[in-house]
Each structure stands twice: as structure tokens, then as C-alpha cells.
């Protein structure tokens, strides 16, 4: 789990491919990644990022959650 405050803005700009590269490393090592916190400053500006977050949250490798309660709820669906 990584708090949003520890992540560089470039991660949320999909054209940099930084998010994809980092997430792929986690997938390669069969680890899950959770981004914890409010990412609305970035999703409000990018429809592509909104789609990425929605699709990621449907899977198991990467989740974007706003708080621990949302994480618990997502984990309970597994």
C-alpha cells in the first residue's frame, strides 16, 4: 500500500507510462499494489485515468482506494 502523498504526479499522467511500468513490476513478482488516498485532482482532469482506475479496481493487481474502509470492502469481494 502506497499513500498518494508519496507518489509523483507523473504516475497519474498516463502518457508518461510510469504507472504501467511500476504496476507491471508488481505483477511480475505476483504482488498487489494499493494506492491509498484521494486521486480526484488527477481523475478530474483525465477521462483516460478515470477509465484506468475503474478497470484496475475490477482486477486484483492494482486498486485505487480513498481510505482503509474502502480497502477492506474491496478485499472482502475477493
PDB file of N, CA and C in Angstrom:
ATOM      1  N   UNK A   1       0.852  -1.156   0.000  1.00  0.00           N
ATOM      2  CA  UNK A   1       0.000   0.000   0.000  1.00  0.00           C
ATOM      3  C   UNK A   1       0.910   1.235   0.000  1.00  0.00           C
ATOM      4  N   UNK A   2       0.591   2.147  -0.905  1.00  0.00           N
ATOM      5  CA  UNK A   2       1.363   3.384  -1.023  1.00  0.00           C
ATOM      6  C   UNK A   2       0.407   4.567  -0.902  1.00  0.00           C
ATOM      7  N   UNK A   3       0.670   5.478   0.023  1.00  0.00           N
ATOM      8  CA  UNK A   3      -0.168   6.673   0.125  1.00  0.00           C
ATOM      9  C   UNK A   3       0.045   7.582  -1.088  1.00  0.00           C
ATOM     10  N   UNK A   4      -1.018   8.213  -1.523  1.00  0.00           N
ATOM     11  CA  UNK A   4      -0.956   9.116  -2.680  1.00  0.00           C
ATOM     12  C   UNK A   4       0.114  10.191  -2.481  1.00  0.00           C
ATOM     13  N   UNK A   5       0.272  10.643  -1.264  1.00  0.00           N
ATOM     14  CA  UNK A   5       1.239  11.713  -0.991  1.00  0.00           C
ATOM     15  C   UNK A   5       2.680  11.305  -1.301  1.00  0.00           C
ATOM     16  N   UNK A   6       2.960   9.998  -1.407  1.00  0.00           N
ATOM     17  CA  UNK A   6       4.306   9.507  -1.685  1.00  0.00           C
ATOM     18  C   UNK A   6       4.547   9.257  -3.170  1.00  0.00           C
ATOM     19  N   UNK A   7       3.524   9.504  -4.001  1.00  0.00           N
ATOM     20  CA  UNK A   7       3.618   9.194  -5.422  1.00  0.00           C
ATOM     21  C   UNK A   7       3.787  10.479  -6.228  1.00  0.00           C
ATOM     22  N   UNK A   8       4.715  10.464  -7.150  1.00  0.00           N
ATOM     23  CA  UNK A   8       4.961  11.613  -8.015  1.00  0.00           C
ATOM     24  C   UNK A   8       3.781  11.834  -8.965  1.00  0.00           C
ATOM     25  N   UNK A   9       3.526  13.076  -9.309  1.00  0.00           N
ATOM     26  CA  UNK A   9       2.434  13.424 -10.225  1.00  0.00           C
ATOM     27  C   UNK A   9       2.534  12.685 -11.556  1.00  0.00           C
ATOM     28  N   UNK A  10       3.734  12.388 -11.999  1.00  0.00           N
ATOM     29  CA  UNK A  10       3.924  11.715 -13.290  1.00  0.00           C
ATOM     30  C   UNK A  10       3.246  10.347 -13.325  1.00  0.00           C
ATOM     31  N   UNK A  11       3.097   9.700 -12.184  1.00  0.00           N
ATOM     32  CA  UNK A  11       2.419   8.404 -12.114  1.00  0.00           C
ATOM     33  C   UNK A  11       0.987   8.526 -12.625  1.00  0.00           C
ATOM     34  N   UNK A  12       0.345   9.629 -12.345  1.00  0.00           N
ATOM     35  CA  UNK A  12      -1.062   9.825 -12.700  1.00  0.00           C
ATOM     36  C   UNK A  12      -1.247  10.411 -14.100  1.00  0.00           C
ATOM     37  N   UNK A  13      -0.165  10.704 -14.786  1.00  0.00           N
ATOM     38  CA  UNK A  13      -0.215  11.170 -16.166  1.00  0.00           C
ATOM     39  C   UNK A  13       0.120   9.967 -17.048  1.00  0.00           C
ATOM     40  N   UNK A  14      -0.892   9.330 -17.563  1.00  0.00           N
ATOM     41  CA  UNK A  14      -0.707   8.051 -18.242  1.00  0.00           C
ATOM     42  C   UNK A  14       0.230   8.126 -19.429  1.00  0.00           C
ATOM     43  N   UNK A  15       0.342   9.269 -20.036  1.00  0.00           N
ATOM     44  CA  UNK A  15       1.224   9.387 -21.203  1.00  0.00           C
ATOM     45  C   UNK A  15       2.693   9.165 -20.842  1.00  0.00           C
ATOM     46  N   UNK A  16       3.047   9.298 -19.559  1.00  0.00           N
ATOM     47  CA  UNK A  16       4.432   9.055 -19.135  1.00  0.00           C
ATOM     48  C   UNK A  16       4.750   7.566 -19.059  1.00  0.00           C
ATOM     49  N   UNK A  17       3.718   6.726 -19.010  1.00  0.00           N
ATOM     50  CA  UNK A  17       3.841   5.264 -18.896  1.00  0.00           C
ATOM     51  C   UNK A  17       4.492   4.815 -17.597  1.00  0.00           C
ATOM     52  N   UNK A  18       4.664   5.725 -16.663  1.00  0.00           N
ATOM     53  CA  UNK A  18       5.263   5.394 -15.377  1.00  0.00           C
ATOM     54  C   UNK A  18       4.381   4.427 -14.591  1.00  0.00           C
ATOM     55  N   UNK A  19       3.090   4.694 -14.546  1.00  0.00           N
ATOM     56  CA  UNK A  19       2.165   3.814 -13.817  1.00  0.00           C
ATOM     57  C   UNK A  19       2.218   2.399 -14.387  1.00  0.00           C
ATOM     58  N   UNK A  20       2.159   2.276 -15.680  1.00  0.00           N
ATOM     59  CA  UNK A  20       2.186   0.971 -16.316  1.00  0.00           C
ATOM     60  C   UNK A  20       3.461   0.204 -16.009  1.00  0.00           C
ATOM     61  N   UNK A  21       4.581   0.888 -16.037  1.00  0.00           N
ATOM     62  CA  UNK A  21       5.852   0.244 -15.749  1.00  0.00           C
ATOM     63  C   UNK A  21       5.958  -0.235 -14.311  1.00  0.00           C
ATOM     64  N   UNK A  22       5.522   0.597 -13.397  1.00  0.00           N
ATOM     65  CA  UNK A  22       5.569   0.227 -11.978  1.00  0.00           C
ATOM     66  C   UNK A  22       4.615  -0.916 -11.686  1.00  0.00           C
ATOM     67  N   UNK A  23       3.399  -0.807 -12.182  1.00  0.00           N
ATOM     68  CA  UNK A  23       2.409  -1.856 -11.942  1.00  0.00           C
ATOM     69  C   UNK A  23       2.869  -3.173 -12.545  1.00  0.00           C
ATOM     70  N   UNK A  24       3.499  -3.121 -13.706  1.00  0.00           N
ATOM     71  CA  UNK A  24       3.985  -4.350 -14.342  1.00  0.00           C
ATOM     72  C   UNK A  24       5.028  -5.046 -13.474  1.00  0.00           C
ATOM     73  N   UNK A  25       5.885  -4.276 -12.812  1.00  0.00           N
ATOM     74  CA  UNK A  25       6.879  -4.879 -11.907  1.00  0.00           C
ATOM     75  C   UNK A  25       6.183  -5.631 -10.779  1.00  0.00           C
ATOM     76  N   UNK A  26       5.142  -5.031 -10.205  1.00  0.00           N
ATOM     77  CA  UNK A  26       4.396  -5.705  -9.144  1.00  0.00           C
ATOM     78  C   UNK A  26       3.750  -6.983  -9.667  1.00  0.00           C
ATOM     79  N   UNK A  27       3.173  -6.917 -10.848  1.00  0.00           N
ATOM     80  CA  UNK A  27       2.527  -8.089 -11.448  1.00  0.00           C
ATOM     81  C   UNK A  27       3.558  -9.187 -11.701  1.00  0.00           C
ATOM     82  N   UNK A  28       4.715  -8.822 -12.209  1.00  0.00           N
ATOM     83  CA  UNK A  28       5.765  -9.801 -12.490  1.00  0.00           C
ATOM     84  C   UNK A  28       6.167 -10.575 -11.233  1.00  0.00           C
ATOM     85  N   UNK A  29       6.163  -9.901 -10.096  1.00  0.00           N
ATOM     86  CA  UNK A  29       6.538 -10.536  -8.843  1.00  0.00           C
ATOM     87  C   UNK A  29       5.323 -11.042  -8.059  1.00  0.00           C
ATOM     88  N   UNK A  30       4.177 -11.046  -8.725  1.00  0.00           N
ATOM     89  CA  UNK A  30       2.922 -11.539  -8.146  1.00  0.00           C
ATOM     90  C   UNK A  30       2.567 -10.843  -6.841  1.00  0.00           C
ATOM     91  N   UNK A  31       2.765  -9.528  -6.838  1.00  0.00           N
ATOM     92  CA  UNK A  31       2.409  -8.688  -5.705  1.00  0.00           C
ATOM     93  C   UNK A  31       1.239  -7.801  -6.091  1.00  0.00           C
ATOM     94  N   UNK A  32       0.477  -7.412  -5.123  1.00  0.00           N
ATOM     95  CA  UNK A  32      -0.633  -6.484  -5.352  1.00  0.00           C
ATOM     96  C   UNK A  32      -0.200  -5.097  -4.905  1.00  0.00           C
ATOM     97  N   UNK A  33      -0.760  -4.096  -5.549  1.00  0.00           N
ATOM     98  CA  UNK A  33      -0.442  -2.709  -5.225  1.00  0.00           C
ATOM     99  C   UNK A  33      -1.736  -1.963  -4.933  1.00  0.00           C
ATOM    100  N   UNK A  34      -1.730  -1.224  -3.835  1.00  0.00           N
ATOM    101  CA  UNK A  34      -2.865  -0.396  -3.471  1.00  0.00           C
ATOM    102  C   UNK A  34      -2.377   1.038  -3.373  1.00  0.00           C
ATOM    103  N   UNK A  35      -3.060   1.933  -4.064  1.00  0.00           N
ATOM    104  CA  UNK A  35      -2.801   3.366  -3.961  1.00  0.00           C
ATOM    105  C   UNK A  35      -3.882   3.921  -3.042  1.00  0.00           C
ATOM    106  N   UNK A  36      -3.471   4.453  -1.902  1.00  0.00           N
ATOM    107  CA  UNK A  36      -4.392   4.892  -0.866  1.00  0.00           C
ATOM    108  C   UNK A  36      -4.458   6.408  -0.798  1.00  0.00           C
ATOM    109  N   UNK A  37      -5.651   6.943  -1.000  1.00  0.00           N
ATOM    110  CA  UNK A  37      -5.845   8.384  -0.872  1.00  0.00           C
ATOM    111  C   UNK A  37      -6.707   8.939  -1.991  1.00  0.00           C
ATOM    112  N   UNK A  38      -6.910  10.231  -1.927  1.00  0.00           N
ATOM    113  CA  UNK A  38      -7.768  10.934  -2.886  1.00  0.00           C
ATOM    114  C   UNK A  38      -6.976  11.275  -4.147  1.00  0.00           C
ATOM    115  N   UNK A  39      -7.385  10.691  -5.262  1.00  0.00           N
ATOM    116  CA  UNK A  39      -6.710  10.986  -6.532  1.00  0.00           C
ATOM    117  C   UNK A  39      -7.584  11.855  -7.441  1.00  0.00           C
ATOM    118  N   UNK A  40      -8.638  12.422  -6.881  1.00  0.00           N
ATOM    119  CA  UNK A  40      -9.553  13.234  -7.692  1.00  0.00           C
ATOM    120  C   UNK A  40      -8.886  14.430  -8.380  1.00  0.00           C
ATOM    121  N   UNK A  41      -7.826  15.033  -7.821  1.00  0.00           N
ATOM    122  CA  UNK A  41      -7.179  16.112  -8.569  1.00  0.00           C
ATOM    123  C   UNK A  41      -6.686  15.654  -9.945  1.00  0.00           C
ATOM    124  N   UNK A  42      -6.331  14.396 -10.076  1.00  0.00           N
ATOM    125  CA  UNK A  42      -5.853  13.866 -11.357  1.00  0.00           C
ATOM    126  C   UNK A  42      -7.001  13.285 -12.184  1.00  0.00           C
ATOM    127  N   UNK A  43      -7.911  12.563 -11.545  1.00  0.00           N
ATOM    128  CA  UNK A  43      -9.006  11.958 -12.306  1.00  0.00           C
ATOM    129  C   UNK A  43      -9.976  13.011 -12.839  1.00  0.00           C
ATOM    130  N   UNK A  44     -10.089  14.122 -12.145  1.00  0.00           N
ATOM    131  CA  UNK A  44     -10.966  15.203 -12.627  1.00  0.00           C
ATOM    132  C   UNK A  44     -10.472  15.783 -13.946  1.00  0.00           C
ATOM    133  N   UNK A  45      -9.173  15.651 -14.204  1.00  0.00           N
ATOM    134  CA  UNK A  45      -8.566  16.219 -15.409  1.00  0.00           C
ATOM    135  C   UNK A  45      -8.414  15.216 -16.544  1.00  0.00           C
ATOM    136  N   UNK A  46      -8.612  13.920 -16.254  1.00  0.00           N
ATOM    137  CA  UNK A  46      -8.294  12.908 -17.253  1.00  0.00           C
ATOM    138  C   UNK A  46      -9.340  11.798 -17.296  1.00  0.00           C
ATOM    139  N   UNK A  47     -10.048  11.735 -18.396  1.00  0.00           N
ATOM    140  CA  UNK A  47     -11.013  10.652 -18.585  1.00  0.00           C
ATOM    141  C   UNK A  47     -10.293   9.314 -18.745  1.00  0.00           C
ATOM    142  N   UNK A  48      -9.126   9.340 -19.364  1.00  0.00           N
ATOM    143  CA  UNK A  48      -8.345   8.109 -19.531  1.00  0.00           C
ATOM    144  C   UNK A  48      -7.930   7.553 -18.165  1.00  0.00           C
ATOM    145  N   UNK A  49      -7.535   8.428 -17.251  1.00  0.00           N
ATOM    146  CA  UNK A  49      -7.157   7.979 -15.908  1.00  0.00           C
ATOM    147  C   UNK A  49      -8.377   7.438 -15.175  1.00  0.00           C
ATOM    148  N   UNK A  50      -9.525   8.061 -15.351  1.00  0.00           N
ATOM    149  CA  UNK A  50     -10.756   7.548 -14.742  1.00  0.00           C
ATOM    150  C   UNK A  50     -11.016   6.119 -15.208  1.00  0.00           C
ATOM    151  N   UNK A  51     -10.849   5.887 -16.503  1.00  0.00           N
ATOM    152  CA  UNK A  51     -11.041   4.545 -17.063  1.00  0.00           C
ATOM    153  C   UNK A  51     -10.010   3.563 -16.500  1.00  0.00           C
ATOM    154  N   UNK A  52      -8.771   4.003 -16.387  1.00  0.00           N
ATOM    155  CA  UNK A  52      -7.690   3.160 -15.861  1.00  0.00           C
ATOM    156  C   UNK A  52      -7.990   2.746 -14.425  1.00  0.00           C
ATOM    157  N   UNK A  53      -8.434   3.703 -13.622  1.00  0.00           N
ATOM    158  CA  UNK A  53      -8.768   3.425 -12.224  1.00  0.00           C
ATOM    159  C   UNK A  53      -9.938   2.455 -12.139  1.00  0.00           C
ATOM    160  N   UNK A  54     -10.960   2.688 -12.930  1.00  0.00           N
ATOM    161  CA  UNK A  54     -12.134   1.816 -12.919  1.00  0.00           C
ATOM    162  C   UNK A  54     -11.755   0.383 -13.292  1.00  0.00           C
ATOM    163  N   UNK A  55     -10.975   0.221 -14.350  1.00  0.00           N
ATOM    164  CA  UNK A  55     -10.556  -1.111 -14.779  1.00  0.00           C
ATOM    165  C   UNK A  55      -9.612  -1.762 -13.770  1.00  0.00           C
ATOM    166  N   UNK A  56      -8.704  -0.993 -13.205  1.00  0.00           N
ATOM    167  CA  UNK A  56      -7.775  -1.528 -12.211  1.00  0.00           C
ATOM    168  C   UNK A  56      -8.527  -2.038 -10.986  1.00  0.00           C
ATOM    169  N   UNK A  57      -9.519  -1.296 -10.553  1.00  0.00           N
ATOM    170  CA  UNK A  57     -10.269  -1.685  -9.361  1.00  0.00           C
ATOM    171  C   UNK A  57     -11.121  -2.927  -9.587  1.00  0.00           C
ATOM    172  N   UNK A  58     -11.357  -3.298 -10.833  1.00  0.00           N
ATOM    173  CA  UNK A  58     -12.079  -4.532 -11.128  1.00  0.00           C
ATOM    174  C   UNK A  58     -11.176  -5.756 -11.016  1.00  0.00           C
ATOM    175  N   UNK A  59      -9.887  -5.542 -11.128  1.00  0.00           N
ATOM    176  CA  UNK A  59      -8.937  -6.644 -11.103  1.00  0.00           C
ATOM    177  C   UNK A  59      -8.393  -6.900  -9.714  1.00  0.00           C
ATOM    178  N   UNK A  60      -7.260  -7.574  -9.671  1.00  0.00           N
ATOM    179  CA  UNK A  60      -6.638  -7.944  -8.403  1.00  0.00           C
ATOM    180  C   UNK A  60      -5.256  -7.338  -8.215  1.00  0.00           C
ATOM    181  N   UNK A  61      -4.629  -6.855  -9.261  1.00  0.00           N
ATOM    182  CA  UNK A  61      -3.235  -6.410  -9.185  1.00  0.00           C
ATOM    183  C   UNK A  61      -3.089  -4.995  -8.645  1.00  0.00           C
ATOM    184  N   UNK A  62      -4.010  -4.104  -8.977  1.00  0.00           N
ATOM    185  CA  UNK A  62      -3.894  -2.696  -8.613  1.00  0.00           C
ATOM    186  C   UNK A  62      -5.252  -2.153  -8.205  1.00  0.00           C
ATOM    187  N   UNK A  63      -5.293  -1.556  -7.036  1.00  0.00           N
ATOM    188  CA  UNK A  63      -6.517  -0.901  -6.564  1.00  0.00           C
ATOM    189  C   UNK A  63      -6.205   0.533  -6.175  1.00  0.00           C
ATOM    190  N   UNK A  64      -7.147   1.395  -6.463  1.00  0.00           N
ATOM    191  CA  UNK A  64      -7.113   2.778  -6.011  1.00  0.00           C
ATOM    192  C   UNK A  64      -8.244   2.931  -5.000  1.00  0.00           C
ATOM    193  N   UNK A  65      -7.916   3.231  -3.754  1.00  0.00           N
ATOM    194  CA  UNK A  65      -8.933   3.383  -2.707  1.00  0.00           C
ATOM    195  C   UNK A  65      -8.682   4.692  -1.968  1.00  0.00           C
ATOM    196  N   UNK A  66      -9.757   5.269  -1.459  1.00  0.00           N
ATOM    197  CA  UNK A  66      -9.623   6.549  -0.764  1.00  0.00           C
ATOM    198  C   UNK A  66      -9.282   6.400   0.710  1.00  0.00           C
ATOM    199  N   UNK A  67      -9.681   5.278   1.317  1.00  0.00           N
ATOM    200  CA  UNK A  67      -9.396   5.071   2.738  1.00  0.00           C
ATOM    201  C   UNK A  67      -9.354   3.581   3.054  1.00  0.00           C
ATOM    202  N   UNK A  68      -9.013   3.267   4.293  1.00  0.00           N
ATOM    203  CA  UNK A  68      -8.873   1.867   4.692  1.00  0.00           C
ATOM    204  C   UNK A  68     -10.200   1.119   4.671  1.00  0.00           C
ATOM    205  N   UNK A  69     -11.295   1.810   4.944  1.00  0.00           N
ATOM    206  CA  UNK A  69     -12.612   1.169   4.902  1.00  0.00           C
ATOM    207  C   UNK A  69     -12.930   0.701   3.484  1.00  0.00           C
ATOM    208  N   UNK A  70     -12.597   1.514   2.506  1.00  0.00           N
ATOM    209  CA  UNK A  70     -12.812   1.125   1.110  1.00  0.00           C
ATOM    210  C   UNK A  70     -11.913  -0.056   0.732  1.00  0.00           C
ATOM    211  N   UNK A  71     -10.699  -0.089   1.264  1.00  0.00           N
ATOM    212  CA  UNK A  71      -9.799  -1.209   1.016  1.00  0.00           C
ATOM    213  C   UNK A  71     -10.371  -2.493   1.608  1.00  0.00           C
ATOM    214  N   UNK A  72     -10.870  -2.429   2.816  1.00  0.00           N
ATOM    215  CA  UNK A  72     -11.465  -3.595   3.462  1.00  0.00           C
ATOM    216  C   UNK A  72     -12.655  -4.109   2.664  1.00  0.00           C
ATOM    217  N   UNK A  73     -13.456  -3.188   2.158  1.00  0.00           N
ATOM    218  CA  UNK A  73     -14.622  -3.557   1.352  1.00  0.00           C
ATOM    219  C   UNK A  73     -14.192  -4.249   0.053  1.00  0.00           C
ATOM    220  N   UNK A  74     -13.165  -3.710  -0.581  1.00  0.00           N
ATOM    221  CA  UNK A  74     -12.667  -4.296  -1.825  1.00  0.00           C
ATOM    222  C   UNK A  74     -12.075  -5.684  -1.561  1.00  0.00           C
ATOM    223  N   UNK A  75     -11.338  -5.818  -0.479  1.00  0.00           N
ATOM    224  CA  UNK A  75     -10.707  -7.096  -0.145  1.00  0.00           C
ATOM    225  C   UNK A  75     -11.766  -8.145   0.192  1.00  0.00           C
ATOM    226  N   UNK A  76     -12.859  -7.728   0.755  1.00  0.00           N
ATOM    227  CA  UNK A  76     -13.930  -8.667   1.115  1.00  0.00           C
ATOM    228  C   UNK A  76     -14.591  -9.255  -0.126  1.00  0.00           C
ATOM    229  N   UNK A  77     -14.497  -8.564  -1.265  1.00  0.00           N
ATOM    230  CA  UNK A  77     -15.098  -9.051  -2.501  1.00  0.00           C
ATOM    231  C   UNK A  77     -14.270 -10.153  -3.162  1.00  0.00           C
ATOM    232  N   UNK A  78     -13.053 -10.365  -2.701  1.00  0.00           N
ATOM    233  CA  UNK A  78     -12.188 -11.399  -3.301  1.00  0.00           C
ATOM    234  C   UNK A  78     -12.671 -12.783  -2.976  1.00  0.00           C
TER     235      UNK A  78
END
